[in-house]
Amino acid sequence: MGGTSTVRVLILGSDTPLGMALIHRQALLGRHEIVPMSRSACRWKSERHAKKSVVRAHSDIVVDVRIEAAGDGGLQIQELDLQRCHWVAKACQRTDTAYLYVSSSRVFSGQLDRSYVEQDAPDNEEAVGLLLARAEHVVGDACVRHLILRLGPIFSYEGTNLITQMLGPLREGDSLILDNNLRGCPVAADDGARVILALLDQLGTGLEPWGIYHYGSSDTTTYYEFAEALLASASQFFEFSASAVQLEREPEGLKPLNRTLNCSKIRNTFAIRQVPWRSAIGDLVKHYYEQQ
């Protein structure tokens, strides 16, 4: 990749919310060559098949958004998914291909009183958190030229994510009962795509700052606050009941959880600035209702 600004990119999970946003944004910018591969096409049964996919793509870098999408979409992450990450990482190592693996803030429990930095050890004991952390470890161990990008929860108008999981039941007349206890920094899919493409731009110059990076929105929120903002924007397209979004009653003395990410490292290394999640809500809700 050295010296050139254009890189050839194999996207694993091109039909996920983040994968689709990457393809759409790149089509507008036209800076890099994209080789898309859907989630179903990535369900390799053997290491040989995974290696063949990586080799045939002739890519400079593999961007893998499959596991992040499964975590955000509430899908079960299987042992075979971790094995596939390992196969991809080994194939990248053998072919001198860089591996940008997209992970999630869900590797953390939220027990800290501050935002998590990259040096903090993953400590989420829930199944999804443990599997996400193991995938990071597998990638880091097997491929030297790797970037692990931990993002806040992805939201978009398409695919399975925060917006579609909330607006879907509301359109059916159901109520959402949400907690106000877990604070995070959600990321619009298009903003996540902006960040990934900015990383690709700089990798195309020969910069090789391998390791872990965090990115989340500049403003934080809870599920309840996010749903309220979503409802306020969606009310111009659909009439909701007064009790559409309700606050879950929490046990007395429950400690608030904080799964926000400190993004100083990605800003200082790549000059990538954070943007607020609220700025994306209006357009995404509009797109959501246009396609219904």
Protein backbone atom coordinates (compact mmCIF):
# COMPACT_ATOMS: atom_id res chain seq x y z
CA MET A 1 0.00 0.00 0.00
CA GLY A 2 2.94 2.28 0.55
CA GLY A 3 2.90 5.61 -1.24
CA THR A 4 -0.50 5.31 -2.88
CA SER A 5 -3.71 6.98 -1.73
CA THR A 6 -6.00 4.35 -3.26
CA VAL A 7 -6.43 1.02 -1.49
CA ARG A 8 -8.34 -2.08 -2.50
CA VAL A 9 -10.69 -3.08 0.32
CA LEU A 10 -12.43 -6.40 0.97
CA ILE A 11 -15.50 -5.74 3.13
CA LEU A 12 -16.67 -8.78 5.09
CA GLY A 13 -20.31 -8.20 6.03
CA SER A 14 -21.16 -5.78 3.22
CA ASP A 15 -24.90 -6.29 3.85
CA THR A 16 -24.78 -5.13 7.49
CA PRO A 17 -25.84 -1.57 8.44
CA LEU A 18 -22.20 -0.47 8.70
CA GLY A 19 -21.18 -2.41 5.57
CA MET A 20 -23.96 -0.82 3.51
CA ALA A 21 -23.06 2.65 4.80
CA LEU A 22 -19.41 2.04 3.86
CA ILE A 23 -20.32 1.09 0.30
CA HIS A 24 -22.71 4.03 -0.08
CA ARG A 25 -20.26 6.59 1.30
CA GLN A 26 -17.36 5.23 -0.75
CA ALA A 27 -19.51 5.35 -3.92
CA LEU A 28 -19.97 9.09 -3.33
CA LEU A 29 -16.27 9.71 -2.62
CA GLY A 30 -14.79 7.28 -5.15
CA ARG A 31 -11.40 7.09 -3.43
CA HIS A 32 -10.92 3.34 -2.94
CA GLU A 33 -11.77 0.07 -4.69
CA ILE A 34 -14.37 -1.97 -2.79
CA VAL A 35 -14.80 -5.75 -2.98
CA PRO A 36 -18.07 -6.53 -1.12
CA MET A 37 -18.77 -9.88 0.53
CA SER A 38 -22.08 -10.53 2.30
CA ARG A 39 -22.43 -12.30 5.64
CA SER A 40 -23.77 -15.45 3.97
CA ALA A 41 -20.76 -15.54 1.62
CA CYS A 42 -18.48 -15.41 4.70
CA ARG A 43 -19.92 -18.54 6.32
CA TRP A 44 -16.87 -20.61 5.45
CA LYS A 45 -16.72 -24.19 6.63
CA SER A 46 -12.92 -24.42 6.54
CA GLU A 47 -9.77 -22.31 6.77
CA ARG A 48 -9.02 -23.16 3.14
CA HIS A 49 -12.24 -21.50 1.97
CA ALA A 50 -11.61 -18.40 4.10
CA LYS A 51 -8.05 -18.06 2.79
CA LYS A 52 -9.30 -18.46 -0.80
CA SER A 53 -11.74 -15.55 -0.32
CA VAL A 54 -9.00 -13.28 1.03
CA VAL A 55 -6.47 -14.25 -1.66
CA ARG A 56 -8.93 -13.93 -4.57
CA ALA A 57 -9.95 -10.42 -3.49
CA HIS A 58 -6.36 -9.17 -4.06
CA SER A 59 -7.06 -6.54 -1.40
CA ASP A 60 -4.67 -4.30 0.51
CA ILE A 61 -6.88 -4.39 3.58
CA VAL A 62 -9.76 -6.48 4.91
CA VAL A 63 -12.50 -4.58 6.79
CA ASP A 64 -14.53 -7.01 8.90
CA VAL A 65 -17.84 -5.72 10.31
CA ARG A 66 -19.61 -9.10 10.75
CA ILE A 67 -19.19 -9.66 14.49
CA GLU A 68 -20.01 -6.06 15.44
CA ALA A 69 -23.24 -6.29 13.42
CA ALA A 70 -24.21 -9.54 15.12
CA GLY A 71 -23.63 -8.01 18.56
CA ASP A 72 -25.60 -4.84 17.79
CA GLY A 73 -28.37 -6.79 16.06
CA GLY A 74 -28.91 -9.11 19.02
CA LEU A 75 -27.82 -12.15 17.01
CA GLN A 76 -26.02 -14.99 18.69
CA ILE A 77 -22.26 -15.05 18.07
CA GLN A 78 -21.08 -18.65 17.64
CA GLU A 79 -17.72 -20.31 18.25
CA LEU A 80 -17.48 -20.81 14.48
CA ASP A 81 -17.68 -17.02 14.03
CA LEU A 82 -14.55 -16.67 16.17
CA GLN A 83 -12.88 -19.44 14.19
CA ARG A 84 -13.64 -17.55 10.97
CA CYS A 85 -12.02 -14.41 12.40
CA HIS A 86 -8.95 -16.50 13.16
CA TRP A 87 -8.90 -17.89 9.60
CA VAL A 88 -9.15 -14.39 8.12
CA ALA A 89 -6.41 -13.07 10.42
CA LYS A 90 -4.07 -15.93 9.46
CA ALA A 91 -4.81 -15.40 5.76
CA CYS A 92 -4.07 -11.68 6.13
CA GLN A 93 -0.80 -12.44 7.90
CA ARG A 94 0.30 -14.88 5.18
CA THR A 95 -0.58 -12.49 2.34
CA ASP A 96 0.70 -9.30 4.04
CA THR A 97 -2.84 -7.87 4.00
CA ALA A 98 -3.87 -5.45 6.73
CA TYR A 99 -6.89 -6.45 8.85
CA LEU A 100 -9.28 -3.79 10.19
CA TYR A 101 -11.53 -5.63 12.60
CA VAL A 102 -14.55 -3.68 13.89
CA SER A 103 -15.42 -4.48 17.50
CA SER A 104 -17.75 -2.88 20.02
CA SER A 105 -17.94 -1.03 23.32
CA ARG A 106 -19.82 -4.14 24.49
CA VAL A 107 -16.46 -5.69 25.46
CA PHE A 108 -16.76 -3.49 28.58
CA SER A 109 -19.07 -3.97 31.56
CA GLY A 110 -19.73 -0.28 32.22
CA GLN A 111 -18.54 -0.52 35.83
CA LEU A 112 -15.95 2.27 35.51
CA ASP A 113 -16.78 5.83 36.58
CA ARG A 114 -14.98 7.21 33.50
CA SER A 115 -14.87 6.60 29.77
CA TYR A 116 -12.93 3.53 28.72
CA VAL A 117 -9.50 3.92 27.11
CA GLU A 118 -7.86 1.43 24.77
CA GLN A 119 -5.58 0.09 27.51
CA ASP A 120 -8.53 -0.96 29.70
CA ALA A 121 -8.97 -4.73 29.72
CA PRO A 122 -12.33 -6.02 28.43
CA ASP A 123 -14.37 -6.98 31.48
CA ASN A 124 -17.91 -7.71 30.28
CA GLU A 125 -18.85 -11.14 31.66
CA GLU A 126 -21.97 -11.40 29.48
CA ALA A 127 -21.73 -13.93 26.63
CA VAL A 128 -21.61 -11.33 23.84
CA GLY A 129 -18.90 -9.33 25.64
CA LEU A 130 -16.73 -12.40 26.21
CA LEU A 131 -17.01 -13.49 22.57
CA LEU A 132 -16.25 -10.00 21.24
CA ALA A 133 -13.16 -9.82 23.46
CA ARG A 134 -11.99 -13.26 22.36
CA ALA A 135 -12.36 -12.24 18.71
CA GLU A 136 -10.18 -9.17 19.35
CA HIS A 137 -7.55 -11.38 20.99
CA VAL A 138 -7.57 -13.85 18.09
CA VAL A 139 -7.14 -11.06 15.52
CA GLY A 140 -4.35 -9.35 17.46
CA ASP A 141 -2.45 -12.60 17.99
CA ALA A 142 -2.65 -13.91 14.42
CA CYS A 143 -2.10 -10.77 12.33
CA VAL A 144 0.63 -8.20 13.01
CA ARG A 145 -0.79 -5.54 10.68
CA HIS A 146 -4.14 -5.16 12.41
CA LEU A 147 -6.40 -2.36 13.57
CA ILE A 148 -9.15 -3.09 16.08
CA LEU A 149 -11.77 -0.35 16.03
CA ARG A 150 -14.20 -0.40 18.96
CA LEU A 151 -17.38 1.52 18.17
CA GLY A 152 -20.40 2.54 20.20
CA PRO A 153 -23.70 0.85 19.20
CA ILE A 154 -24.41 1.37 15.48
CA PHE A 155 -27.76 2.79 14.37
CA SER A 156 -29.19 3.12 10.86
CA TYR A 157 -32.48 3.20 8.95
CA GLU A 158 -31.84 -0.27 7.49
CA GLY A 159 -30.78 -3.63 8.86
CA THR A 160 -31.13 -4.67 12.51
CA ASN A 161 -30.00 -1.96 14.93
CA LEU A 162 -31.21 0.53 17.56
CA ILE A 163 -33.53 2.51 15.24
CA THR A 164 -35.22 -0.41 13.51
CA GLN A 165 -35.52 -2.38 16.76
CA MET A 166 -37.28 0.57 18.43
CA LEU A 167 -39.43 1.94 15.60
CA GLY A 168 -40.59 -1.50 14.44
CA PRO A 169 -42.53 -2.35 17.64
CA LEU A 170 -43.80 1.24 17.99
CA ARG A 171 -45.31 1.11 14.49
CA GLU A 172 -47.16 -2.06 15.55
CA GLY A 173 -48.68 -0.19 18.50
CA ASP A 174 -46.44 -1.70 21.18
CA SER A 175 -44.80 0.28 23.98
CA LEU A 176 -41.09 0.35 24.74
CA ILE A 177 -40.07 0.00 28.38
CA LEU A 178 -36.45 1.08 28.55
CA ASP A 179 -33.87 1.62 31.27
CA ASN A 180 -32.07 4.86 31.94
CA ASN A 181 -29.15 3.15 33.65
CA LEU A 182 -26.63 2.29 30.91
CA ARG A 183 -24.90 5.28 29.31
CA GLY A 184 -23.16 4.86 25.97
CA CYS A 185 -22.07 6.71 22.84
CA PRO A 186 -24.04 5.39 19.83
CA VAL A 187 -22.69 5.87 16.30
CA ALA A 188 -24.70 6.48 13.14
CA ALA A 189 -23.70 3.91 10.48
CA ASP A 190 -22.72 6.71 8.09
CA ASP A 191 -20.50 8.27 10.76
CA GLY A 192 -18.87 4.89 11.42
CA ALA A 193 -18.26 4.62 7.67
CA ARG A 194 -16.70 8.11 7.70
CA VAL A 195 -14.28 7.00 10.42
CA ILE A 196 -13.31 3.76 8.66
CA LEU A 197 -12.73 5.54 5.34
CA ALA A 198 -10.58 8.13 7.11
CA LEU A 199 -8.47 5.27 8.48
CA LEU A 200 -8.20 3.78 4.97
CA ASP A 201 -7.15 7.16 3.54
CA GLN A 202 -4.26 7.38 5.99
CA LEU A 203 -3.26 3.74 5.66
CA GLY A 204 -3.03 4.48 1.92
CA THR A 205 -0.26 7.00 2.66
CA GLY A 206 1.88 4.28 4.25
CA LEU A 207 1.02 5.15 7.87
CA GLU A 208 1.04 1.97 9.95
CA PRO A 209 -0.12 2.71 13.52
CA TRP A 210 -1.41 -0.78 14.30
CA GLY A 211 -3.38 -1.49 17.47
CA ILE A 212 -6.70 -0.71 19.16
CA TYR A 213 -8.71 2.49 18.71
CA HIS A 214 -11.99 3.78 20.13
CA TYR A 215 -14.68 5.84 18.44
CA GLY A 216 -18.05 6.96 19.76
CA SER A 217 -20.33 9.97 19.39
CA SER A 218 -19.38 13.20 21.15
CA ASP A 219 -22.58 13.17 23.22
CA THR A 220 -23.67 10.27 25.41
CA THR A 221 -27.12 8.81 25.98
CA THR A 222 -29.13 5.99 27.55
CA TYR A 223 -31.61 3.71 25.77
CA TYR A 224 -34.48 5.74 27.21
CA GLU A 225 -33.05 9.12 26.16
CA PHE A 226 -32.26 7.75 22.69
CA ALA A 227 -35.82 6.44 22.27
CA GLU A 228 -37.27 9.80 23.34
CA ALA A 229 -35.20 11.63 20.71
CA LEU A 230 -36.22 9.02 18.14
CA LEU A 231 -39.90 9.40 19.02
CA ALA A 232 -39.73 13.20 18.80
CA SER A 233 -38.34 12.93 15.26
CA ALA A 234 -40.65 10.09 14.17
CA SER A 235 -43.84 11.76 15.42
CA GLN A 236 -44.01 13.85 12.23
CA PHE A 237 -44.40 10.62 10.22
CA PHE A 238 -46.50 8.50 12.58
CA GLU A 239 -48.91 9.05 15.45
CA PHE A 240 -47.76 7.36 18.64
CA SER A 241 -49.61 6.83 21.90
CA ALA A 242 -48.71 8.96 24.92
CA SER A 243 -47.27 5.85 26.60
CA ALA A 244 -45.17 4.72 23.60
CA VAL A 245 -41.89 5.03 25.50
CA GLN A 246 -41.87 4.29 29.21
CA LEU A 247 -39.09 4.44 31.76
CA GLU A 248 -38.34 1.13 33.44
CA ARG A 249 -38.49 1.21 37.22
CA GLU A 250 -35.05 0.40 38.55
CA PRO A 251 -34.18 -1.21 41.89
CA GLU A 252 -33.22 1.18 44.68
CA GLY A 253 -29.48 1.88 44.82
CA LEU A 254 -28.72 0.43 41.37
CA LYS A 255 -25.32 1.69 40.23
CA PRO A 256 -25.41 3.53 36.87
CA LEU A 257 -23.35 1.87 34.13
CA ASN A 258 -21.04 3.85 31.86
CA ARG A 259 -20.00 2.22 28.57
CA THR A 260 -18.70 5.40 26.95
CA LEU A 261 -15.42 5.45 25.03
CA ASN A 262 -12.50 7.83 25.33
CA CYS A 263 -11.60 8.80 21.76
CA SER A 264 -8.41 10.83 22.35
CA LYS A 265 -6.14 8.26 20.70
CA ILE A 266 -7.98 8.15 17.34
CA ARG A 267 -8.18 11.95 17.34
CA ASN A 268 -4.47 12.41 18.12
CA THR A 269 -3.29 9.68 15.71
CA PHE A 270 -5.63 10.15 12.75
CA ALA A 271 -7.16 13.61 13.39
CA ILE A 272 -10.63 12.01 13.42
CA ARG A 273 -13.13 14.20 15.26
CA GLN A 274 -16.24 13.01 17.06
CA VAL A 275 -19.71 14.15 16.02
CA PRO A 276 -22.98 14.08 18.04
CA TRP A 277 -25.38 11.19 17.44
CA ARG A 278 -28.40 13.53 17.58
CA SER A 279 -27.36 15.25 14.34
CA ALA A 280 -28.09 12.05 12.37
CA ILE A 281 -31.48 11.13 13.83
CA GLY A 282 -33.73 13.35 11.65
CA ASP A 283 -32.43 12.13 8.28
CA LEU A 284 -32.30 8.48 9.35
CA VAL A 285 -35.89 8.51 10.61
CA LYS A 286 -37.00 10.14 7.35
CA HIS A 287 -35.21 7.43 5.32
CA TYR A 288 -36.73 4.73 7.54
CA TYR A 289 -40.30 5.88 6.84
CA GLU A 290 -39.62 6.45 3.13
CA GLN A 291 -38.75 2.77 2.67
CA GLN A 292 -41.71 1.38 4.65
